[in-house]
Amino acid sequence: MTEESVSFRHMKDRTQADSDILLRRRMVYKRRLPERILDHLLLLQGDTDGFLIDRLDHSLQTATRAHRDGKDEEYVVCALIHDIGDSLGSYNHADIAAAIVKPFVTPANHWMVEQHNLFQGYYFFHFQGRDRNSRDKYLAHPQYQQTVEFCEKYDGAAFDPDYEHLPLEFFEPMLNRVFAEPKYGPYAKTSNVKADVIHVAALEAIKA
């Protein structure tokens, strides 16, 4: 069977029928997001960048430590893909990971992923002539301590070649559930406006 395609060659000529076709095709593509995330995680394999383990093992260690410590699966999935942006975002990998998880996780966990590199800098910024306490500009933020804990107990500790982490396949069902459908933002089926408002209010309080 021939796959249906649109008729236009310029967006100004797009019709309702074209839009219906694209919506159907796009929904299939969106449902495969977990598969693409798994594929991109595998791009981290083999690259140690001077560390004792490669980036994939680091990601698996981080997620395994969080899981074994009793964190819920949304948090564990954030731990799993927190460095997924390393393959393309050499200078802003945390922003890439945060953009991926934003529609699917709580504003608190999104903020943790977005800021984890700054908070991780506590352990190495001073070796680069930078301020290791840069994270303290967010001392009043409600997720400050959560992000400190993430770096101290999971992300920062996940460079041990002797640590036995769980395989990627173990986390696949969690990843499928978390990325099944957006929970926040304009594409969410149910409203999570209250959580977003609280998060924005916290940020505005810090800026004031």
N, C-alpha and C. Protein backbone atom coordinates (compact mmCIF):
# COMPACT_ATOMS: atom_id res chain seq x y z
N MET A 1 0.84 -1.20 0.00
CA MET A 1 0.00 0.00 0.00
C MET A 1 0.88 1.25 0.00
N THR A 2 0.57 2.20 -0.88
CA THR A 2 1.33 3.43 -0.97
C THR A 2 1.05 4.30 0.25
N GLU A 3 2.12 4.85 0.85
CA GLU A 3 1.94 5.73 1.99
C GLU A 3 1.34 7.05 1.53
N GLU A 4 0.39 7.56 2.30
CA GLU A 4 -0.25 8.82 1.92
C GLU A 4 0.70 9.99 2.15
N SER A 5 0.66 10.93 1.22
CA SER A 5 1.52 12.10 1.30
C SER A 5 0.70 13.34 0.98
N VAL A 6 1.23 14.48 1.38
CA VAL A 6 0.54 15.75 1.14
C VAL A 6 0.65 16.17 -0.32
N SER A 7 -0.12 17.17 -0.69
CA SER A 7 -0.12 17.64 -2.07
C SER A 7 0.71 18.91 -2.26
N PHE A 8 1.00 19.64 -1.17
CA PHE A 8 1.64 20.95 -1.32
C PHE A 8 3.17 20.87 -1.37
N ARG A 9 3.74 21.91 -1.98
CA ARG A 9 5.20 22.06 -2.02
C ARG A 9 5.64 23.33 -1.29
N HIS A 10 4.69 24.13 -0.87
CA HIS A 10 4.95 25.33 -0.06
C HIS A 10 3.86 25.37 1.00
N MET A 11 4.22 25.73 2.22
CA MET A 11 3.26 25.70 3.32
C MET A 11 2.03 26.56 3.07
N LYS A 12 2.18 27.60 2.25
CA LYS A 12 1.02 28.47 1.98
C LYS A 12 -0.08 27.75 1.21
N ASP A 13 0.27 26.61 0.59
CA ASP A 13 -0.70 25.85 -0.19
C ASP A 13 -1.27 24.66 0.59
N ARG A 14 -0.95 24.57 1.85
CA ARG A 14 -1.41 23.45 2.69
C ARG A 14 -2.93 23.49 2.85
N THR A 15 -3.57 22.33 2.74
CA THR A 15 -5.03 22.22 2.87
C THR A 15 -5.38 21.46 4.15
N GLN A 16 -6.68 21.43 4.46
CA GLN A 16 -7.15 20.64 5.61
C GLN A 16 -6.84 19.17 5.41
N ALA A 17 -7.03 18.68 4.19
CA ALA A 17 -6.73 17.27 3.90
C ALA A 17 -5.26 16.98 4.13
N ASP A 18 -4.40 17.89 3.72
CA ASP A 18 -2.96 17.73 3.97
C ASP A 18 -2.68 17.67 5.46
N SER A 19 -3.30 18.56 6.21
CA SER A 19 -3.09 18.62 7.66
C SER A 19 -3.54 17.33 8.33
N ASP A 20 -4.64 16.77 7.85
CA ASP A 20 -5.14 15.51 8.42
C ASP A 20 -4.15 14.37 8.16
N ILE A 21 -3.57 14.36 6.97
CA ILE A 21 -2.56 13.34 6.64
C ILE A 21 -1.36 13.48 7.57
N LEU A 22 -0.87 14.70 7.71
CA LEU A 22 0.31 14.94 8.53
C LEU A 22 0.06 14.60 9.99
N LEU A 23 -1.14 14.87 10.47
CA LEU A 23 -1.48 14.55 11.85
C LEU A 23 -1.43 13.04 12.07
N ARG A 24 -2.01 12.29 11.14
CA ARG A 24 -1.98 10.83 11.28
C ARG A 24 -0.56 10.29 11.24
N ARG A 25 0.23 10.80 10.32
CA ARG A 25 1.61 10.33 10.20
C ARG A 25 2.44 10.74 11.41
N ARG A 26 2.19 11.96 11.89
CA ARG A 26 2.97 12.48 13.02
C ARG A 26 2.68 11.70 14.30
N MET A 27 1.45 11.29 14.50
CA MET A 27 1.10 10.55 15.70
C MET A 27 1.85 9.23 15.76
N VAL A 28 2.01 8.57 14.62
CA VAL A 28 2.78 7.32 14.57
C VAL A 28 4.23 7.60 14.94
N TYR A 29 4.77 8.67 14.38
CA TYR A 29 6.17 9.03 14.64
C TYR A 29 6.38 9.36 16.11
N LYS A 30 5.45 10.11 16.70
CA LYS A 30 5.58 10.51 18.10
C LYS A 30 5.55 9.31 19.03
N ARG A 31 4.74 8.31 18.69
CA ARG A 31 4.66 7.12 19.55
C ARG A 31 5.97 6.35 19.58
N ARG A 32 6.82 6.59 18.61
CA ARG A 32 8.10 5.90 18.55
C ARG A 32 9.23 6.67 19.25
N LEU A 33 8.87 7.72 19.98
CA LEU A 33 9.87 8.50 20.69
C LEU A 33 10.73 7.65 21.62
N PRO A 34 10.16 6.76 22.43
CA PRO A 34 11.01 5.94 23.30
C PRO A 34 12.07 5.15 22.53
N GLU A 35 11.71 4.65 21.34
CA GLU A 35 12.68 3.91 20.53
C GLU A 35 13.84 4.81 20.12
N ARG A 36 13.53 6.04 19.74
CA ARG A 36 14.58 6.96 19.31
C ARG A 36 15.46 7.37 20.48
N ILE A 37 14.86 7.51 21.66
CA ILE A 37 15.66 7.84 22.84
C ILE A 37 16.65 6.71 23.14
N LEU A 38 16.18 5.47 23.05
CA LEU A 38 17.07 4.33 23.26
C LEU A 38 18.20 4.33 22.23
N ASP A 39 17.88 4.62 20.98
CA ASP A 39 18.90 4.68 19.94
C ASP A 39 19.95 5.75 20.25
N HIS A 40 19.50 6.90 20.73
CA HIS A 40 20.44 7.98 21.03
C HIS A 40 21.28 7.67 22.27
N LEU A 41 20.71 6.96 23.22
CA LEU A 41 21.51 6.54 24.37
C LEU A 41 22.68 5.66 23.92
N LEU A 42 22.42 4.82 22.94
CA LEU A 42 23.47 3.92 22.45
C LEU A 42 24.60 4.69 21.78
N LEU A 43 24.35 5.93 21.35
CA LEU A 43 25.41 6.75 20.78
C LEU A 43 26.45 7.13 21.83
N LEU A 44 26.09 7.00 23.10
CA LEU A 44 27.01 7.33 24.19
C LEU A 44 27.97 6.18 24.48
N GLN A 45 27.74 5.05 23.87
CA GLN A 45 28.56 3.87 24.14
C GLN A 45 29.93 4.01 23.49
N GLY A 46 30.96 3.62 24.25
CA GLY A 46 32.31 3.59 23.71
C GLY A 46 33.10 4.87 23.89
N ASP A 47 32.46 5.97 24.22
CA ASP A 47 33.14 7.25 24.38
C ASP A 47 33.41 7.51 25.86
N THR A 48 34.67 7.31 26.29
CA THR A 48 35.01 7.53 27.69
C THR A 48 35.42 8.97 27.95
N ASP A 49 35.95 9.65 26.92
CA ASP A 49 36.38 11.05 27.06
C ASP A 49 37.36 11.21 28.22
N GLY A 50 38.13 10.15 28.51
CA GLY A 50 39.12 10.22 29.57
C GLY A 50 38.66 9.67 30.91
N PHE A 51 37.36 9.41 31.05
CA PHE A 51 36.84 8.83 32.29
C PHE A 51 37.13 7.33 32.31
N LEU A 52 36.86 6.68 33.43
CA LEU A 52 37.12 5.25 33.57
C LEU A 52 36.03 4.39 32.94
N ILE A 53 34.90 4.99 32.62
CA ILE A 53 33.79 4.28 31.96
C ILE A 53 33.26 5.16 30.85
N ASP A 54 32.51 4.56 29.91
CA ASP A 54 31.96 5.38 28.83
C ASP A 54 30.67 6.07 29.30
N ARG A 55 30.16 6.93 28.43
CA ARG A 55 29.01 7.76 28.81
C ARG A 55 27.74 6.93 29.00
N LEU A 56 27.61 5.85 28.25
CA LEU A 56 26.43 5.00 28.43
C LEU A 56 26.47 4.32 29.79
N ASP A 57 27.61 3.76 30.16
CA ASP A 57 27.73 3.13 31.48
C ASP A 57 27.48 4.16 32.59
N HIS A 58 27.96 5.38 32.38
CA HIS A 58 27.69 6.44 33.37
C HIS A 58 26.19 6.67 33.52
N SER A 59 25.49 6.72 32.40
CA SER A 59 24.04 6.94 32.43
C SER A 59 23.33 5.79 33.12
N LEU A 60 23.74 4.57 32.81
CA LEU A 60 23.13 3.39 33.43
C LEU A 60 23.44 3.32 34.92
N GLN A 61 24.66 3.69 35.29
CA GLN A 61 25.00 3.73 36.72
C GLN A 61 24.14 4.75 37.46
N THR A 62 23.99 5.93 36.86
CA THR A 62 23.20 6.98 37.51
C THR A 62 21.77 6.51 37.73
N ALA A 63 21.18 5.93 36.70
CA ALA A 63 19.79 5.44 36.81
C ALA A 63 19.69 4.28 37.79
N THR A 64 20.65 3.38 37.77
CA THR A 64 20.63 2.22 38.67
C THR A 64 20.72 2.66 40.11
N ARG A 65 21.60 3.59 40.40
CA ARG A 65 21.75 4.08 41.77
C ARG A 65 20.46 4.74 42.26
N ALA A 66 19.83 5.52 41.39
CA ALA A 66 18.57 6.17 41.77
C ALA A 66 17.48 5.12 42.00
N HIS A 67 17.41 4.12 41.12
CA HIS A 67 16.41 3.06 41.26
C HIS A 67 16.61 2.28 42.54
N ARG A 68 17.83 1.89 42.83
CA ARG A 68 18.12 1.11 44.03
C ARG A 68 17.91 1.92 45.30
N ASP A 69 17.90 3.23 45.16
CA ASP A 69 17.67 4.09 46.32
C ASP A 69 16.18 4.38 46.51
N GLY A 70 15.33 3.79 45.66
CA GLY A 70 13.89 3.92 45.85
C GLY A 70 13.23 5.09 45.14
N LYS A 71 13.94 5.74 44.22
CA LYS A 71 13.33 6.85 43.50
C LYS A 71 12.26 6.32 42.54
N ASP A 72 11.24 7.15 42.27
CA ASP A 72 10.17 6.71 41.37
C ASP A 72 10.68 6.67 39.94
N GLU A 73 9.90 6.04 39.04
CA GLU A 73 10.42 5.77 37.71
C GLU A 73 10.59 7.02 36.86
N GLU A 74 9.82 8.06 37.12
CA GLU A 74 10.04 9.30 36.39
C GLU A 74 11.42 9.87 36.71
N TYR A 75 11.76 9.87 37.98
CA TYR A 75 13.08 10.34 38.42
C TYR A 75 14.17 9.46 37.82
N VAL A 76 13.95 8.15 37.84
CA VAL A 76 14.95 7.20 37.33
C VAL A 76 15.18 7.42 35.84
N VAL A 77 14.11 7.66 35.09
CA VAL A 77 14.25 7.93 33.66
C VAL A 77 15.01 9.24 33.43
N CYS A 78 14.75 10.24 34.24
CA CYS A 78 15.53 11.48 34.16
C CYS A 78 17.01 11.19 34.41
N ALA A 79 17.29 10.34 35.38
CA ALA A 79 18.67 9.96 35.67
C ALA A 79 19.29 9.23 34.48
N LEU A 80 18.49 8.40 33.82
CA LEU A 80 18.98 7.62 32.69
C LEU A 80 19.39 8.51 31.52
N ILE A 81 18.59 9.53 31.22
CA ILE A 81 18.86 10.29 30.00
C ILE A 81 19.42 11.69 30.28
N HIS A 82 19.87 11.94 31.51
CA HIS A 82 20.33 13.30 31.84
C HIS A 82 21.49 13.77 30.98
N ASP A 83 22.30 12.85 30.46
CA ASP A 83 23.45 13.21 29.62
C ASP A 83 23.24 12.85 28.15
N ILE A 84 22.01 12.60 27.74
CA ILE A 84 21.76 12.17 26.36
C ILE A 84 22.18 13.22 25.35
N GLY A 85 22.25 14.47 25.78
CA GLY A 85 22.65 15.55 24.87
C GLY A 85 24.14 15.62 24.60
N ASP A 86 24.93 14.79 25.26
CA ASP A 86 26.39 14.85 25.10
C ASP A 86 26.84 14.66 23.66
N SER A 87 26.10 13.87 22.88
CA SER A 87 26.54 13.57 21.52
C SER A 87 26.49 14.80 20.61
N LEU A 88 25.61 15.76 20.90
CA LEU A 88 25.50 16.95 20.06
C LEU A 88 25.69 18.25 20.84
N GLY A 89 25.29 18.27 22.10
CA GLY A 89 25.38 19.50 22.89
C GLY A 89 26.65 19.55 23.71
N SER A 90 27.77 19.72 23.05
CA SER A 90 29.05 19.70 23.76
C SER A 90 29.16 20.81 24.79
N TYR A 91 28.41 21.89 24.60
CA TYR A 91 28.47 23.01 25.53
C TYR A 91 27.17 23.23 26.28
N ASN A 92 26.14 22.47 25.96
CA ASN A 92 24.84 22.67 26.63
C ASN A 92 24.04 21.38 26.69
N HIS A 93 24.70 20.28 27.03
CA HIS A 93 24.02 18.98 26.98
C HIS A 93 22.83 18.91 27.92
N ALA A 94 22.90 19.61 29.05
CA ALA A 94 21.79 19.58 30.01
C ALA A 94 20.53 20.22 29.41
N ASP A 95 20.71 21.26 28.60
CA ASP A 95 19.57 21.92 27.96
C ASP A 95 18.86 20.96 27.02
N ILE A 96 19.63 20.13 26.31
CA ILE A 96 19.03 19.19 25.37
C ILE A 96 18.20 18.14 26.11
N ALA A 97 18.78 17.56 27.15
CA ALA A 97 18.05 16.56 27.93
C ALA A 97 16.80 17.17 28.55
N ALA A 98 16.92 18.40 29.05
CA ALA A 98 15.78 19.06 29.69
C ALA A 98 14.66 19.30 28.68
N ALA A 99 15.01 19.67 27.46
CA ALA A 99 14.00 19.89 26.43
C ALA A 99 13.26 18.60 26.09
N ILE A 100 13.98 17.48 26.09
CA ILE A 100 13.36 16.19 25.77
C ILE A 100 12.34 15.80 26.84
N VAL A 101 12.71 15.96 28.11
CA VAL A 101 11.84 15.47 29.19
C VAL A 101 10.73 16.45 29.56
N LYS A 102 10.85 17.71 29.17
CA LYS A 102 9.94 18.76 29.67
C LYS A 102 8.46 18.42 29.58
N PRO A 103 7.94 17.91 28.44
CA PRO A 103 6.50 17.63 28.38
C PRO A 103 6.06 16.41 29.18
N PHE A 104 7.02 15.63 29.69
CA PHE A 104 6.69 14.32 30.25
C PHE A 104 6.93 14.18 31.75
N VAL A 105 7.64 15.12 32.35
CA VAL A 105 7.97 14.99 33.77
C VAL A 105 7.55 16.25 34.52
N THR A 106 7.51 16.15 35.83
CA THR A 106 7.12 17.29 36.64
C THR A 106 8.09 18.45 36.44
N PRO A 107 7.62 19.69 36.63
CA PRO A 107 8.54 20.83 36.56
C PRO A 107 9.74 20.68 37.49
N ALA A 108 9.54 20.01 38.63
CA ALA A 108 10.65 19.81 39.56
C ALA A 108 11.74 18.94 38.95
N ASN A 109 11.36 17.83 38.35
CA ASN A 109 12.35 16.95 37.73
C ASN A 109 12.95 17.57 36.48
N HIS A 110 12.13 18.30 35.74
CA HIS A 110 12.66 19.01 34.56
C HIS A 110 13.75 19.99 34.99
N TRP A 111 13.49 20.74 36.04
CA TRP A 111 14.47 21.72 36.52
C TRP A 111 15.75 21.04 36.97
N MET A 112 15.62 19.92 37.63
CA MET A 112 16.80 19.15 38.07
C MET A 112 17.67 18.75 36.88
N VAL A 113 17.04 18.25 35.83
CA VAL A 113 17.79 17.85 34.64
C VAL A 113 18.44 19.08 33.99
N GLU A 114 17.68 20.15 33.89
CA GLU A 114 18.17 21.35 33.23
C GLU A 114 19.37 21.95 33.95
N GLN A 115 19.39 21.86 35.28
CA GLN A 115 20.43 22.51 36.07
C GLN A 115 21.53 21.56 36.54
N HIS A 116 21.45 20.28 36.20
CA HIS A 116 22.38 19.33 36.81
C HIS A 116 23.84 19.62 36.47
N ASN A 117 24.11 20.16 35.29
CA ASN A 117 25.51 20.42 34.95
C ASN A 117 26.09 21.55 35.79
N LEU A 118 25.29 22.59 36.01
CA LEU A 118 25.73 23.68 36.89
C LEU A 118 25.99 23.17 38.29
N PHE A 119 25.11 22.33 38.80
CA PHE A 119 25.25 21.81 40.16
C PHE A 119 26.41 20.82 40.26
N GLN A 120 26.61 20.05 39.19
CA GLN A 120 27.74 19.12 39.15
C GLN A 120 29.07 19.88 39.15
N GLY A 121 29.02 21.13 38.68
CA GLY A 121 30.21 21.95 38.64
C GLY A 121 30.83 22.20 40.01
N TYR A 122 30.06 21.96 41.07
CA TYR A 122 30.61 22.08 42.43
C TYR A 122 31.85 21.22 42.59
N TYR A 123 31.92 20.11 41.85
CA TYR A 123 33.02 19.16 42.01
C TYR A 123 34.22 19.45 41.11
N PHE A 124 34.05 20.37 40.13
CA PHE A 124 35.19 20.58 39.23
C PHE A 124 35.38 21.99 38.71
N PHE A 125 34.43 22.88 38.88
CA PHE A 125 34.58 24.23 38.32
C PHE A 125 35.86 24.92 38.81
N HIS A 126 36.22 24.70 40.07
CA HIS A 126 37.40 25.38 40.63
C HIS A 126 38.70 24.94 39.97
N PHE A 127 38.70 23.76 39.35
CA PHE A 127 39.89 23.31 38.62
C PHE A 127 40.02 24.03 37.28
N GLN A 128 38.95 24.69 36.86
CA GLN A 128 38.93 25.41 35.59
C GLN A 128 38.94 26.93 35.79
N GLY A 129 39.18 27.36 37.02
CA GLY A 129 39.18 28.78 37.32
C GLY A 129 37.80 29.39 37.41
N ARG A 130 36.81 28.54 37.62
CA ARG A 130 35.42 29.00 37.73
C ARG A 130 34.94 28.85 39.17
N ASP A 131 33.81 29.43 39.46
CA ASP A 131 33.26 29.42 40.82
C ASP A 131 32.47 28.13 41.04
N ARG A 132 32.97 27.27 41.91
CA ARG A 132 32.30 26.01 42.17
C ARG A 132 30.95 26.21 42.87
N ASN A 133 30.76 27.36 43.47
CA ASN A 133 29.51 27.64 44.18
C ASN A 133 28.52 28.42 43.31
N SER A 134 28.70 28.36 42.00
CA SER A 134 27.77 29.06 41.10
C SER A 134 26.32 28.63 41.31
N ARG A 135 26.15 27.39 41.71
CA ARG A 135 24.80 26.86 41.92
C ARG A 135 24.06 27.60 43.03
N ASP A 136 24.80 28.27 43.89
CA ASP A 136 24.17 28.89 45.06
C ASP A 136 23.30 30.08 44.71
N LYS A 137 23.34 30.52 43.45
CA LYS A 137 22.39 31.57 43.06
C LYS A 137 20.96 31.05 43.10
N TYR A 138 20.84 29.72 43.16
CA TYR A 138 19.51 29.10 43.24
C TYR A 138 19.20 28.56 44.64
N LEU A 139 19.90 29.05 45.64
CA LEU A 139 19.69 28.55 47.01
C LEU A 139 18.23 28.62 47.44
N ALA A 140 17.51 29.62 47.00
CA ALA A 140 16.11 29.78 47.42
C ALA A 140 15.15 28.95 46.59
N HIS A 141 15.64 28.29 45.56
CA HIS A 141 14.75 27.52 44.70
C HIS A 141 14.32 26.23 45.40
N PRO A 142 13.05 25.85 45.30
CA PRO A 142 12.58 24.64 45.99
C PRO A 142 13.25 23.35 45.53
N GLN A 143 13.85 23.35 44.33
CA GLN A 143 14.53 22.14 43.84
C GLN A 143 16.04 22.19 44.03
N TYR A 144 16.51 23.17 44.77
CA TYR A 144 17.96 23.27 44.99
C TYR A 144 18.50 22.00 45.64
N GLN A 145 17.91 21.61 46.76
CA GLN A 145 18.42 20.45 47.50
C GLN A 145 18.22 19.16 46.71
N GLN A 146 17.13 19.06 45.97
CA GLN A 146 16.90 17.88 45.14
C GLN A 146 18.02 17.71 44.12
N THR A 147 18.45 18.82 43.53
CA THR A 147 19.48 18.76 42.50
C THR A 147 20.85 18.51 43.11
N VAL A 148 21.10 19.08 44.29
CA VAL A 148 22.34 18.76 45.02
C VAL A 148 22.41 17.26 45.28
N GLU A 149 21.31 16.69 45.75
CA GLU A 149 21.26 15.26 46.05
C GLU A 149 21.48 14.43 44.79
N PHE A 150 20.86 14.84 43.69
CA PHE A 150 21.02 14.09 42.44
C PHE A 150 22.49 14.00 42.04
N CYS A 151 23.18 15.11 42.15
CA CYS A 151 24.60 15.13 41.77
C CYS A 151 25.46 14.36 42.76
N GLU A 152 25.18 14.53 44.04
CA GLU A 152 26.02 13.90 45.07
C GLU A 152 25.83 12.38 45.13
N LYS A 153 24.58 11.92 45.07
CA LYS A 153 24.31 10.51 45.30
C LYS A 153 24.26 9.67 44.04
N TYR A 154 23.94 10.29 42.92
CA TYR A 154 23.71 9.50 41.70
C TYR A 154 24.64 9.91 40.55
N ASP A 155 24.50 11.12 40.05
CA ASP A 155 25.30 11.56 38.91
C ASP A 155 26.79 11.60 39.24
N GLY A 156 27.15 12.25 40.33
CA GLY A 156 28.56 12.39 40.69
C GLY A 156 29.23 11.09 41.08
N ALA A 157 28.43 10.16 41.58
CA ALA A 157 28.98 8.88 42.04
C ALA A 157 29.09 7.84 40.93
N ALA A 158 28.58 8.15 39.75
CA ALA A 158 28.42 7.15 38.69
C ALA A 158 29.58 7.12 37.70
N PHE A 159 30.78 7.02 38.23
CA PHE A 159 31.98 6.91 37.39
C PHE A 159 32.85 5.75 37.84
N ASP A 160 32.24 4.75 38.44
CA ASP A 160 32.97 3.65 39.07
C ASP A 160 32.97 2.41 38.18
N PRO A 161 34.12 2.02 37.64
CA PRO A 161 34.15 0.84 36.75
C PRO A 161 33.84 -0.47 37.46
N ASP A 162 33.83 -0.47 38.79
CA ASP A 162 33.54 -1.70 39.53
C ASP A 162 32.08 -1.80 39.96
N TYR A 163 31.30 -0.77 39.67
CA TYR A 163 29.89 -0.79 40.06
C TYR A 163 29.08 -1.59 39.05
N GLU A 164 28.27 -2.52 39.51
CA GLU A 164 27.45 -3.36 38.62
C GLU A 164 26.08 -2.71 38.41
N HIS A 165 25.92 -2.10 37.28
CA HIS A 165 24.66 -1.42 36.98
C HIS A 165 23.71 -2.36 36.25
N LEU A 166 22.45 -1.97 36.24
CA LEU A 166 21.43 -2.72 35.51
C LEU A 166 21.56 -2.45 34.01
N PRO A 167 21.14 -3.39 33.16
CA PRO A 167 21.26 -3.19 31.71
C PRO A 167 20.23 -2.20 31.19
N LEU A 168 20.48 -1.68 30.01
CA LEU A 168 19.56 -0.72 29.40
C LEU A 168 18.16 -1.32 29.25
N GLU A 169 18.08 -2.60 28.94
CA GLU A 169 16.78 -3.26 28.75
C GLU A 169 15.91 -3.18 30.00
N PHE A 170 16.53 -3.15 31.16
CA PHE A 170 15.77 -3.07 32.40
C PHE A 170 14.94 -1.79 32.47
N PHE A 171 15.50 -0.71 31.93
CA PHE A 171 14.85 0.59 32.03
C PHE A 171 13.87 0.87 30.89
N GLU A 172 13.87 0.01 29.88
CA GLU A 172 13.04 0.27 28.70
C GLU A 172 11.55 0.38 29.03
N PRO A 173 10.97 -0.51 29.86
CA PRO A 173 9.54 -0.34 30.20
C PRO A 173 9.25 0.97 30.91
N MET A 174 10.14 1.40 31.79
CA MET A 174 9.97 2.69 32.47
C MET A 174 9.96 3.83 31.45
N LEU A 175 10.91 3.77 30.55
CA LEU A 175 11.03 4.81 29.54
C LEU A 175 9.78 4.85 28.66
N ASN A 176 9.26 3.68 28.31
CA ASN A 176 8.03 3.62 27.51
C ASN A 176 6.86 4.25 28.24
N ARG A 177 6.76 4.01 29.54
CA ARG A 177 5.64 4.57 30.30
C ARG A 177 5.78 6.09 30.47
N VAL A 178 6.96 6.55 30.81
CA VAL A 178 7.16 7.98 31.04
C VAL A 178 6.92 8.78 29.77
N PHE A 179 7.37 8.24 28.63
CA PHE A 179 7.23 8.95 27.37
C PHE A 179 6.02 8.51 26.55
N ALA A 180 5.06 7.89 27.20
CA ALA A 180 3.85 7.43 26.49
C ALA A 180 3.05 8.59 25.93
N GLU A 181 2.90 9.65 26.71
CA GLU A 181 2.18 10.84 26.24
C GLU A 181 2.55 12.03 27.10
N PRO A 182 2.49 13.23 26.56
CA PRO A 182 2.83 14.43 27.34
C PRO A 182 1.89 14.62 28.53
N LYS A 183 2.45 15.05 29.62
CA LYS A 183 1.66 15.32 30.83
C LYS A 183 1.62 16.81 31.16
N TYR A 184 2.51 17.57 30.53
CA TYR A 184 2.61 19.00 30.80
C TYR A 184 2.70 19.75 29.48
N GLY A 185 2.24 21.00 29.49
CA GLY A 185 2.33 21.81 28.29
C GLY A 185 1.11 21.68 27.40
N PRO A 186 1.14 22.28 26.21
CA PRO A 186 -0.05 22.37 25.35
C PRO A 186 -0.55 21.06 24.80
N TYR A 187 0.29 20.01 24.80
CA TYR A 187 -0.14 18.74 24.22
C TYR A 187 -0.61 17.73 25.28
N ALA A 188 -0.64 18.16 26.53
CA ALA A 188 -1.08 17.26 27.59
C ALA A 188 -2.59 17.06 27.53
N LYS A 189 -3.02 15.83 27.78
CA LYS A 189 -4.45 15.53 27.77
C LYS A 189 -5.13 16.03 29.04
N THR A 190 -4.40 16.02 30.15
CA THR A 190 -4.95 16.50 31.41
C THR A 190 -4.15 17.71 31.86
N SER A 191 -4.80 18.58 32.59
CA SER A 191 -4.17 19.83 32.99
C SER A 191 -3.25 19.64 34.19
N ASN A 192 -2.06 20.19 34.07
CA ASN A 192 -1.14 20.26 35.20
C ASN A 192 -0.74 21.71 35.43
N VAL A 193 -1.70 22.60 35.21
CA VAL A 193 -1.42 24.03 35.28
C VAL A 193 -0.92 24.42 36.67
N LYS A 194 -1.50 23.83 37.72
CA LYS A 194 -1.14 24.22 39.08
C LYS A 194 0.35 24.00 39.33
N ALA A 195 0.88 22.85 38.92
CA ALA A 195 2.29 22.56 39.13
C ALA A 195 3.16 23.55 38.37
N ASP A 196 2.77 23.90 37.15
CA ASP A 196 3.54 24.85 36.35
C ASP A 196 3.52 26.23 36.99
N VAL A 197 2.36 26.64 37.50
CA VAL A 197 2.24 27.95 38.13
C VAL A 197 3.12 28.03 39.36
N ILE A 198 3.13 26.98 40.17
CA ILE A 198 3.98 26.96 41.37
C ILE A 198 5.44 27.08 40.99
N HIS A 199 5.84 26.37 39.95
CA HIS A 199 7.23 26.39 39.51
C HIS A 199 7.63 27.79 39.03
N VAL A 200 6.79 28.40 38.21
CA VAL A 200 7.07 29.75 37.70
C VAL A 200 7.13 30.76 38.84
N ALA A 201 6.22 30.60 39.80
CA ALA A 201 6.21 31.52 40.93
C ALA A 201 7.52 31.41 41.73
N ALA A 202 8.04 30.20 41.86
CA ALA A 202 9.30 30.00 42.58
C ALA A 202 10.44 30.70 41.86
N LEU A 203 10.47 30.60 40.54
CA LEU A 203 11.52 31.26 39.76
C LEU A 203 11.43 32.77 39.87
N GLU A 204 10.20 33.30 39.85
CA GLU A 204 10.02 34.74 39.94
C GLU A 204 10.44 35.25 41.32
N ALA A 205 10.21 34.44 42.35
CA ALA A 205 10.61 34.83 43.70
C ALA A 205 12.12 34.95 43.81
N ILE A 206 12.84 34.07 43.10
CA ILE A 206 14.30 34.10 43.14
C ILE A 206 14.83 35.35 42.43
N LYS A 207 14.19 35.71 41.31
CA LYS A 207 14.63 36.85 40.52
C LYS A 207 14.37 38.18 41.27
N ALA A 208 13.34 38.18 42.12
CA ALA A 208 12.92 39.43 42.77
C ALA A 208 13.99 39.96 43.73
